[in-house]
Amino acid sequence: MINQLAFVSADAKIGENVQIDAFTSIYEDVEIGKGTHIHSNVTIYPGTRIGENCEVFPGAVIGVIPQDLKFDGEYTTVEIGNNTKIRECVTIHRGTKDKWKTSIGDNCLLMTYVHVAHDCQIGNNVILASYTGLSGHVEIDDWAILEGKVAAQQFVKIGKHAFIGGASLIRKDVPPFIKAAREPLTFAGVNSVGLRRRGYSDEHVRQIEDIYRILYVQNSNITKGITAVREAISENENREEILSFIESSDKGVIRGMI
């Protein structure tokens, strides 16, 4: 149902059972999947793709051009998956020539006043709490949670199942499965509660804890820690994911406990 007080371009593609409330503006070259609800006073710009059964709350602005002086009018998009909730006053900008799109996966929750800048790549089941801001090109893997007022610098990467404490500043990459907090951002243990909630066995959680104990507690630097992990922990999926993330990091990973 489209409210008669909403503006919806004739060139927008609106799926079945989409509800669009009053005073919302949806421009051309927008696609909205079936069952999605767009509340009042939302603005959705060209190049936006929103999946099925999403909900976008009042004041959100999606698909506006990026705040990047290198942007030269190239055709880029914002792509949002299914079952994602975008709360009041969230802003999501289109991509640039780097990734050509800003993407947000399925089953995500972006709380009030979150900002997602150009070329960010956000996985599935991610939660960004209120006032979190992502600079351009940030990557967040599945199941990560960022508490309120977190600020992420350009090009940082956050691994899956990571948990970032509120009001943190992210200047380096955050490996998977861990909690991070303090200033400067520091390893604060394994996200064992979150992992168990998502089906990780006690054995796998202990395995991950052993890996990070070697990396961050028993060794003075990451390079020595990686070598020690390979010597002490037999090859397994979790070990390879953690070490691969760290070894591929361009910005370096966050520090360990002091």
C-alpha atoms as a PDB file:
ATOM      1  CA  MET A   1       0.000   0.000   0.000  1.00  0.00           C
ATOM      2  CA  ILE A   2       1.371   3.388  -1.008  1.00  0.00           C
ATOM      3  CA  ASN A   3       0.033   6.384   0.906  1.00  0.00           C
ATOM      4  CA  GLN A   4      -1.310   9.100  -1.382  1.00  0.00           C
ATOM      5  CA  LEU A   5       0.927  11.644   0.378  1.00  0.00           C
ATOM      6  CA  ALA A   6       4.109   9.740  -0.542  1.00  0.00           C
ATOM      7  CA  PHE A   7       6.149  10.498  -3.663  1.00  0.00           C
ATOM      8  CA  VAL A   8       7.115   7.348  -5.555  1.00  0.00           C
ATOM      9  CA  SER A   9       8.728   7.657  -8.965  1.00  0.00           C
ATOM     10  CA  ALA A  10       7.024   5.810 -11.788  1.00  0.00           C
ATOM     11  CA  ASP A  11      10.456   4.354 -12.586  1.00  0.00           C
ATOM     12  CA  ALA A  12      10.875   2.757  -9.151  1.00  0.00           C
ATOM     13  CA  LYS A  13      10.267  -0.991  -8.891  1.00  0.00           C
ATOM     14  CA  ILE A  14       8.063  -1.756  -5.899  1.00  0.00           C
ATOM     15  CA  GLY A  15       7.393  -5.382  -4.921  1.00  0.00           C
ATOM     16  CA  GLU A  16       4.202  -6.977  -3.695  1.00  0.00           C
ATOM     17  CA  ASN A  17       2.762  -6.013  -0.311  1.00  0.00           C
ATOM     18  CA  VAL A  18       5.172  -3.113   0.167  1.00  0.00           C
ATOM     19  CA  GLN A  19       3.885  -0.412   2.511  1.00  0.00           C
ATOM     20  CA  ILE A  20       5.056   3.160   1.908  1.00  0.00           C
ATOM     21  CA  ASP A  21       3.845   5.753   4.402  1.00  0.00           C
ATOM     22  CA  ALA A  22       3.109   9.469   4.021  1.00  0.00           C
ATOM     23  CA  PHE A  23       5.755  12.069   3.176  1.00  0.00           C
ATOM     24  CA  THR A  24       8.302   9.537   1.993  1.00  0.00           C
ATOM     25  CA  SER A  25      10.185  10.185  -1.265  1.00  0.00           C
ATOM     26  CA  ILE A  26      11.348   7.315  -3.459  1.00  0.00           C
ATOM     27  CA  TYR A  27      13.177   8.325  -6.613  1.00  0.00           C
ATOM     28  CA  GLU A  28      13.799   6.590  -9.932  1.00  0.00           C
ATOM     29  CA  ASP A  29      16.069   3.547 -10.204  1.00  0.00           C
ATOM     30  CA  VAL A  30      15.045   2.254  -6.792  1.00  0.00           C
ATOM     31  CA  GLU A  31      14.023  -1.354  -6.165  1.00  0.00           C
ATOM     32  CA  ILE A  32      12.158  -2.480  -3.040  1.00  0.00           C
ATOM     33  CA  GLY A  33      11.421  -6.147  -2.376  1.00  0.00           C
ATOM     34  CA  LYS A  34       8.105  -7.609  -1.351  1.00  0.00           C
ATOM     35  CA  GLY A  35       6.801  -7.238   2.179  1.00  0.00           C
ATOM     36  CA  THR A  36       9.029  -4.283   3.038  1.00  0.00           C
ATOM     37  CA  HIS A  37       7.679  -1.384   5.095  1.00  0.00           C
ATOM     38  CA  ILE A  38       8.978   2.146   4.458  1.00  0.00           C
ATOM     39  CA  HIS A  39       7.803   4.470   7.216  1.00  0.00           C
ATOM     40  CA  SER A  40       7.038   8.178   6.837  1.00  0.00           C
ATOM     41  CA  ASN A  41       9.641  10.842   6.049  1.00  0.00           C
ATOM     42  CA  VAL A  42      12.144   8.441   4.490  1.00  0.00           C
ATOM     43  CA  THR A  43      14.191   9.506   1.457  1.00  0.00           C
ATOM     44  CA  ILE A  44      15.483   6.824  -0.918  1.00  0.00           C
ATOM     45  CA  TYR A  45      17.710   8.021  -3.743  1.00  0.00           C
ATOM     46  CA  PRO A  46      18.489   6.450  -7.150  1.00  0.00           C
ATOM     47  CA  GLY A  47      20.647   3.353  -7.180  1.00  0.00           C
ATOM     48  CA  THR A  48      19.160   1.861  -4.013  1.00  0.00           C
ATOM     49  CA  ARG A  49      18.207  -1.811  -3.828  1.00  0.00           C
ATOM     50  CA  ILE A  50      16.297  -2.986  -0.743  1.00  0.00           C
ATOM     51  CA  GLY A  51      15.405  -6.640  -0.243  1.00  0.00           C
ATOM     52  CA  GLU A  52      12.323  -8.391   1.066  1.00  0.00           C
ATOM     53  CA  ASN A  53      10.652  -7.939   4.462  1.00  0.00           C
ATOM     54  CA  CYS A  54      12.834  -5.044   5.482  1.00  0.00           C
ATOM     55  CA  GLU A  55      11.690  -2.108   7.609  1.00  0.00           C
ATOM     56  CA  VAL A  56      12.954   1.459   7.230  1.00  0.00           C
ATOM     57  CA  PHE A  57      11.969   3.916   9.960  1.00  0.00           C
ATOM     58  CA  PRO A  58      11.299   7.688   9.801  1.00  0.00           C
ATOM     59  CA  GLY A  59      14.099  10.054   8.878  1.00  0.00           C
ATOM     60  CA  ALA A  60      16.343   7.490   7.184  1.00  0.00           C
ATOM     61  CA  VAL A  61      18.212   8.626   4.059  1.00  0.00           C
ATOM     62  CA  ILE A  62      19.462   5.869   1.756  1.00  0.00           C
ATOM     63  CA  GLY A  63      21.404   6.014  -1.497  1.00  0.00           C
ATOM     64  CA  VAL A  64      22.525   9.638  -1.432  1.00  0.00           C
ATOM     65  CA  ILE A  65      25.842  10.371  -3.191  1.00  0.00           C
ATOM     66  CA  PRO A  66      28.985   9.844  -1.080  1.00  0.00           C
ATOM     67  CA  GLN A  67      30.823  12.501   0.914  1.00  0.00           C
ATOM     68  CA  ASP A  68      34.007  11.761  -1.023  1.00  0.00           C
ATOM     69  CA  LEU A  69      35.695  14.493  -3.047  1.00  0.00           C
ATOM     70  CA  LYS A  70      36.983  11.844  -5.473  1.00  0.00           C
ATOM     71  CA  PHE A  71      33.424  10.898  -6.410  1.00  0.00           C
ATOM     72  CA  ASP A  72      32.892  11.985 -10.002  1.00  0.00           C
ATOM     73  CA  GLY A  73      29.271  11.077 -10.599  1.00  0.00           C
ATOM     74  CA  GLU A  74      29.942   7.437 -11.499  1.00  0.00           C
ATOM     75  CA  TYR A  75      27.005   5.046 -11.380  1.00  0.00           C
ATOM     76  CA  THR A  76      27.066   3.214  -8.058  1.00  0.00           C
ATOM     77  CA  THR A  77      24.539   1.584  -5.759  1.00  0.00           C
ATOM     78  CA  VAL A  78      23.427   0.776  -2.237  1.00  0.00           C
ATOM     79  CA  GLU A  79      22.366  -2.859  -1.840  1.00  0.00           C
ATOM     80  CA  ILE A  80      20.497  -4.044   1.258  1.00  0.00           C
ATOM     81  CA  GLY A  81      19.532  -7.673   1.862  1.00  0.00           C
ATOM     82  CA  ASN A  82      16.394  -9.260   3.294  1.00  0.00           C
ATOM     83  CA  ASN A  83      14.875  -8.881   6.772  1.00  0.00           C
ATOM     84  CA  THR A  84      17.055  -5.917   7.681  1.00  0.00           C
ATOM     85  CA  LYS A  85      15.830  -3.119   9.959  1.00  0.00           C
ATOM     86  CA  ILE A  86      17.005   0.451   9.488  1.00  0.00           C
ATOM     87  CA  ARG A  87      15.967   2.658  12.373  1.00  0.00           C
ATOM     88  CA  GLU A  88      15.316   6.388  12.652  1.00  0.00           C
ATOM     89  CA  CYS A  89      17.681   8.848  10.951  1.00  0.00           C
ATOM     90  CA  VAL A  90      20.144   6.270   9.616  1.00  0.00           C
ATOM     91  CA  THR A  91      22.187   7.469   6.612  1.00  0.00           C
ATOM     92  CA  ILE A  92      23.628   5.098   4.001  1.00  0.00           C
ATOM     93  CA  HIS A  93      25.666   6.449   1.079  1.00  0.00           C
ATOM     94  CA  ARG A  94      26.279   4.995  -2.373  1.00  0.00           C
ATOM     95  CA  GLY A  95      29.626   3.523  -3.359  1.00  0.00           C
ATOM     96  CA  THR A  96      32.450   4.967  -5.442  1.00  0.00           C
ATOM     97  CA  LYS A  97      34.830   3.511  -8.022  1.00  0.00           C
ATOM     98  CA  ASP A  98      36.490   1.459  -5.275  1.00  0.00           C
ATOM     99  CA  LYS A  99      33.720  -1.106  -4.728  1.00  0.00           C
ATOM    100  CA  TRP A 100      30.978   0.417  -6.921  1.00  0.00           C
ATOM    101  CA  LYS A 101      28.484  -0.269  -4.166  1.00  0.00           C
ATOM    102  CA  THR A 102      27.765  -0.025  -0.469  1.00  0.00           C
ATOM    103  CA  SER A 103      26.285  -3.293   0.738  1.00  0.00           C
ATOM    104  CA  ILE A 104      24.431  -4.476   3.839  1.00  0.00           C
ATOM    105  CA  GLY A 105      23.446  -8.116   4.223  1.00  0.00           C
ATOM    106  CA  ASP A 106      20.444 -10.025   5.542  1.00  0.00           C
ATOM    107  CA  ASN A 107      18.987  -9.845   9.051  1.00  0.00           C
ATOM    108  CA  CYS A 108      20.929  -6.767  10.084  1.00  0.00           C
ATOM    109  CA  LEU A 109      19.885  -4.087  12.568  1.00  0.00           C
ATOM    110  CA  LEU A 110      21.080  -0.510  12.169  1.00  0.00           C
ATOM    111  CA  MET A 111      19.901   1.489  15.160  1.00  0.00           C
ATOM    112  CA  THR A 112      19.161   5.224  15.338  1.00  0.00           C
ATOM    113  CA  TYR A 113      21.577   7.718  13.773  1.00  0.00           C
ATOM    114  CA  VAL A 114      23.968   5.108  12.390  1.00  0.00           C
ATOM    115  CA  HIS A 115      26.024   6.343   9.423  1.00  0.00           C
ATOM    116  CA  VAL A 116      27.321   3.943   6.762  1.00  0.00           C
ATOM    117  CA  ALA A 117      29.657   5.708   4.344  1.00  0.00           C
ATOM    118  CA  HIS A 118      30.551   4.845   0.764  1.00  0.00           C
ATOM    119  CA  ASP A 119      31.852   1.395  -0.177  1.00  0.00           C
ATOM    120  CA  CYS A 120      31.259  -0.192   3.216  1.00  0.00           C
ATOM    121  CA  GLN A 121      30.646  -3.934   3.006  1.00  0.00           C
ATOM    122  CA  ILE A 122      28.532  -5.299   5.876  1.00  0.00           C
ATOM    123  CA  GLY A 123      27.737  -8.991   6.187  1.00  0.00           C
ATOM    124  CA  ASN A 124      24.689 -10.819   7.552  1.00  0.00           C
ATOM    125  CA  ASN A 125      23.264 -10.643  11.082  1.00  0.00           C
ATOM    126  CA  VAL A 126      25.314  -7.557  11.960  1.00  0.00           C
ATOM    127  CA  ILE A 127      24.147  -5.112  14.646  1.00  0.00           C
ATOM    128  CA  LEU A 128      25.262  -1.474  14.631  1.00  0.00           C
ATOM    129  CA  ALA A 129      23.986   0.318  17.735  1.00  0.00           C
ATOM    130  CA  SER A 130      22.946   3.964  17.909  1.00  0.00           C
ATOM    131  CA  TYR A 131      25.322   6.723  16.763  1.00  0.00           C
ATOM    132  CA  THR A 132      27.853   4.312  15.320  1.00  0.00           C
ATOM    133  CA  GLY A 133      29.704   5.790  12.350  1.00  0.00           C
ATOM    134  CA  LEU A 134      31.521   3.875   9.629  1.00  0.00           C
ATOM    135  CA  SER A 135      33.921   5.819   7.438  1.00  0.00           C
ATOM    136  CA  GLY A 136      34.360   4.751   3.826  1.00  0.00           C
ATOM    137  CA  HIS A 137      35.480   1.267   2.779  1.00  0.00           C
ATOM    138  CA  VAL A 138      34.909  -0.420   6.156  1.00  0.00           C
ATOM    139  CA  GLU A 139      34.280  -4.188   6.047  1.00  0.00           C
ATOM    140  CA  ILE A 140      32.273  -5.994   8.732  1.00  0.00           C
ATOM    141  CA  ASP A 141      31.869  -9.766   8.640  1.00  0.00           C
ATOM    142  CA  ASP A 142      28.807 -11.789   9.689  1.00  0.00           C
ATOM    143  CA  TRP A 143      27.449 -11.643  13.252  1.00  0.00           C
ATOM    144  CA  ALA A 144      29.631  -8.758  14.405  1.00  0.00           C
ATOM    145  CA  ILE A 145      28.135  -6.362  16.962  1.00  0.00           C
ATOM    146  CA  LEU A 146      29.211  -2.751  17.445  1.00  0.00           C
ATOM    147  CA  GLU A 147      27.824  -1.051  20.518  1.00  0.00           C
ATOM    148  CA  GLY A 148      26.732   2.584  20.568  1.00  0.00           C
ATOM    149  CA  LYS A 149      28.915   5.527  19.496  1.00  0.00           C
ATOM    150  CA  VAL A 150      31.599   3.370  17.895  1.00  0.00           C
ATOM    151  CA  ALA A 151      33.629   5.143  15.204  1.00  0.00           C
ATOM    152  CA  ALA A 152      35.472   3.147  12.544  1.00  0.00           C
ATOM    153  CA  GLN A 153      38.300   4.620  10.482  1.00  0.00           C
ATOM    154  CA  GLN A 154      38.485   4.155   6.710  1.00  0.00           C
ATOM    155  CA  PHE A 155      39.435   0.710   5.359  1.00  0.00           C
ATOM    156  CA  VAL A 156      39.373  -1.142   8.689  1.00  0.00           C
ATOM    157  CA  LYS A 157      38.005  -4.661   8.779  1.00  0.00           C
ATOM    158  CA  ILE A 158      36.066  -6.326  11.588  1.00  0.00           C
ATOM    159  CA  GLY A 159      35.987 -10.114  11.722  1.00  0.00           C
ATOM    160  CA  LYS A 160      32.932 -12.288  12.204  1.00  0.00           C
ATOM    161  CA  HIS A 161      31.414 -12.671  15.682  1.00  0.00           C
ATOM    162  CA  ALA A 162      33.505  -9.755  16.965  1.00  0.00           C
ATOM    163  CA  PHE A 163      32.008  -7.567  19.697  1.00  0.00           C
ATOM    164  CA  ILE A 164      33.114  -3.929  20.003  1.00  0.00           C
ATOM    165  CA  GLY A 165      32.416  -2.070  23.243  1.00  0.00           C
ATOM    166  CA  GLY A 166      30.563   1.237  23.201  1.00  0.00           C
ATOM    167  CA  ALA A 167      32.308   4.535  22.389  1.00  0.00           C
ATOM    168  CA  SER A 168      35.319   2.709  20.925  1.00  0.00           C
ATOM    169  CA  LEU A 169      37.532   4.113  18.179  1.00  0.00           C
ATOM    170  CA  ILE A 170      38.534   1.506  15.573  1.00  0.00           C
ATOM    171  CA  ARG A 171      41.813   2.396  13.876  1.00  0.00           C
ATOM    172  CA  LYS A 172      43.101  -1.115  13.184  1.00  0.00           C
ATOM    173  CA  ASP A 173      41.533  -4.402  12.118  1.00  0.00           C
ATOM    174  CA  VAL A 174      39.622  -6.450  14.696  1.00  0.00           C
ATOM    175  CA  PRO A 175      40.108 -10.226  14.311  1.00  0.00           C
ATOM    176  CA  PRO A 176      37.147 -12.636  14.416  1.00  0.00           C
ATOM    177  CA  PHE A 177      35.544 -14.080  17.557  1.00  0.00           C
ATOM    178  CA  ILE A 178      36.883 -11.514  20.027  1.00  0.00           C
ATOM    179  CA  LYS A 179      35.690  -8.719  22.290  1.00  0.00           C
ATOM    180  CA  ALA A 180      37.446  -5.376  22.020  1.00  0.00           C
ATOM    181  CA  ALA A 181      37.237  -2.233  24.135  1.00  0.00           C
ATOM    182  CA  ARG A 182      39.311   0.486  25.874  1.00  0.00           C
ATOM    183  CA  GLU A 183      41.318   3.334  24.312  1.00  0.00           C
ATOM    184  CA  PRO A 184      43.310   2.586  22.286  1.00  0.00           C
ATOM    185  CA  LEU A 185      41.155  -0.344  21.194  1.00  0.00           C
ATOM    186  CA  THR A 186      42.452  -3.510  22.822  1.00  0.00           C
ATOM    187  CA  PHE A 187      41.738  -7.246  22.830  1.00  0.00           C
ATOM    188  CA  ALA A 188      39.428  -7.926  25.793  1.00  0.00           C
ATOM    189  CA  GLY A 189      38.892 -11.677  25.512  1.00  0.00           C
ATOM    190  CA  VAL A 190      36.975 -14.081  23.298  1.00  0.00           C
ATOM    191  CA  ASN A 191      33.278 -13.444  22.636  1.00  0.00           C
ATOM    192  CA  SER A 192      32.460 -16.800  24.210  1.00  0.00           C
ATOM    193  CA  VAL A 193      28.892 -15.912  25.223  1.00  0.00           C
ATOM    194  CA  GLY A 194      28.014 -14.784  21.698  1.00  0.00           C
ATOM    195  CA  LEU A 195      29.638 -17.839  20.138  1.00  0.00           C
ATOM    196  CA  ARG A 196      27.710 -20.255  22.334  1.00  0.00           C
ATOM    197  CA  ARG A 197      24.461 -18.449  21.574  1.00  0.00           C
ATOM    198  CA  ARG A 198      25.149 -19.002  17.879  1.00  0.00           C
ATOM    199  CA  GLY A 199      25.780 -22.722  18.190  1.00  0.00           C
ATOM    200  CA  TYR A 200      29.529 -23.006  18.755  1.00  0.00           C
ATOM    201  CA  SER A 201      30.333 -25.998  20.928  1.00  0.00           C
ATOM    202  CA  ASP A 202      32.280 -25.706  24.181  1.00  0.00           C
ATOM    203  CA  GLU A 203      35.151 -27.501  22.458  1.00  0.00           C
ATOM    204  CA  HIS A 204      35.314 -24.960  19.641  1.00  0.00           C
ATOM    205  CA  VAL A 205      35.071 -22.033  22.057  1.00  0.00           C
ATOM    206  CA  ARG A 206      37.958 -23.439  24.126  1.00  0.00           C
ATOM    207  CA  GLN A 207      39.939 -23.939  20.941  1.00  0.00           C
ATOM    208  CA  ILE A 208      39.437 -20.280  19.967  1.00  0.00           C
ATOM    209  CA  GLU A 209      40.336 -19.182  23.510  1.00  0.00           C
ATOM    210  CA  ASP A 210      43.552 -21.221  23.332  1.00  0.00           C
ATOM    211  CA  ILE A 211      44.502 -19.568  20.049  1.00  0.00           C
ATOM    212  CA  TYR A 212      44.004 -16.043  21.356  1.00  0.00           C
ATOM    213  CA  ARG A 213      45.734 -16.852  24.646  1.00  0.00           C
ATOM    214  CA  ILE A 214      48.824 -17.730  22.639  1.00  0.00           C
ATOM    215  CA  LEU A 215      48.489 -14.727  20.324  1.00  0.00           C
ATOM    216  CA  TYR A 216      47.726 -12.005  22.817  1.00  0.00           C
ATOM    217  CA  VAL A 217      48.750 -13.205  26.300  1.00  0.00           C
ATOM    218  CA  GLN A 218      51.734 -15.498  25.931  1.00  0.00           C
ATOM    219  CA  ASN A 219      53.575 -13.610  23.185  1.00  0.00           C
ATOM    220  CA  SER A 220      54.968 -10.095  22.970  1.00  0.00           C
ATOM    221  CA  ASN A 221      54.064  -9.566  19.324  1.00  0.00           C
ATOM    222  CA  ILE A 222      51.701 -10.976  16.723  1.00  0.00           C
ATOM    223  CA  THR A 223      54.390 -12.445  14.464  1.00  0.00           C
ATOM    224  CA  LYS A 224      55.767 -14.590  17.277  1.00  0.00           C
ATOM    225  CA  GLY A 225      52.209 -15.444  18.292  1.00  0.00           C
ATOM    226  CA  ILE A 226      51.293 -16.733  14.827  1.00  0.00           C
ATOM    227  CA  THR A 227      54.325 -19.020  14.800  1.00  0.00           C
ATOM    228  CA  ALA A 228      53.495 -20.273  18.279  1.00  0.00           C
ATOM    229  CA  VAL A 229      49.873 -20.977  17.333  1.00  0.00           C
ATOM    230  CA  ARG A 230      50.932 -23.055  14.337  1.00  0.00           C
ATOM    231  CA  GLU A 231      53.275 -25.048  16.553  1.00  0.00           C
ATOM    232  CA  ALA A 232      50.820 -25.580  19.414  1.00  0.00           C
ATOM    233  CA  ILE A 233      47.400 -25.866  17.732  1.00  0.00           C
ATOM    234  CA  SER A 234      46.680 -28.472  15.086  1.00  0.00           C
ATOM    235  CA  GLU A 235      45.208 -27.221  11.817  1.00  0.00           C
ATOM    236  CA  ASN A 236      41.469 -26.585  11.956  1.00  0.00           C
ATOM    237  CA  GLU A 237      38.924 -24.219  10.448  1.00  0.00           C
ATOM    238  CA  ASN A 238      38.934 -21.729  13.315  1.00  0.00           C
ATOM    239  CA  ARG A 239      42.727 -21.560  13.462  1.00  0.00           C
ATOM    240  CA  GLU A 240      43.005 -20.936   9.742  1.00  0.00           C
ATOM    241  CA  GLU A 241      40.304 -18.276   9.769  1.00  0.00           C
ATOM    242  CA  ILE A 242      41.970 -16.359  12.591  1.00  0.00           C
ATOM    243  CA  LEU A 243      45.491 -16.584  11.204  1.00  0.00           C
ATOM    244  CA  SER A 244      44.387 -15.811   7.652  1.00  0.00           C
ATOM    245  CA  PHE A 245      42.583 -12.690   8.862  1.00  0.00           C
ATOM    246  CA  ILE A 246      45.621 -11.462  10.775  1.00  0.00           C
ATOM    247  CA  GLU A 247      48.140 -12.248   8.046  1.00  0.00           C
ATOM    248  CA  SER A 248      46.061 -10.534   5.356  1.00  0.00           C
ATOM    249  CA  SER A 249      45.549  -7.354   7.390  1.00  0.00           C
ATOM    250  CA  ASP A 250      46.896  -4.240   5.665  1.00  0.00           C
ATOM    251  CA  LYS A 251      46.386  -1.914   8.613  1.00  0.00           C
ATOM    252  CA  GLY A 252      47.519  -4.366  11.282  1.00  0.00           C
ATOM    253  CA  VAL A 253      45.322  -5.764  14.041  1.00  0.00           C
ATOM    254  CA  ILE A 254      44.449  -4.273  17.417  1.00  0.00           C
ATOM    255  CA  ARG A 255      46.857  -4.668  20.313  1.00  0.00           C
ATOM    256  CA  GLY A 256      46.725  -7.197  23.100  1.00  0.00           C
ATOM    257  CA  MET A 257      46.210  -6.602  26.797  1.00  0.00           C
ATOM    258  CA  ILE A 258      48.970  -4.780  28.623  1.00  0.00           C
END
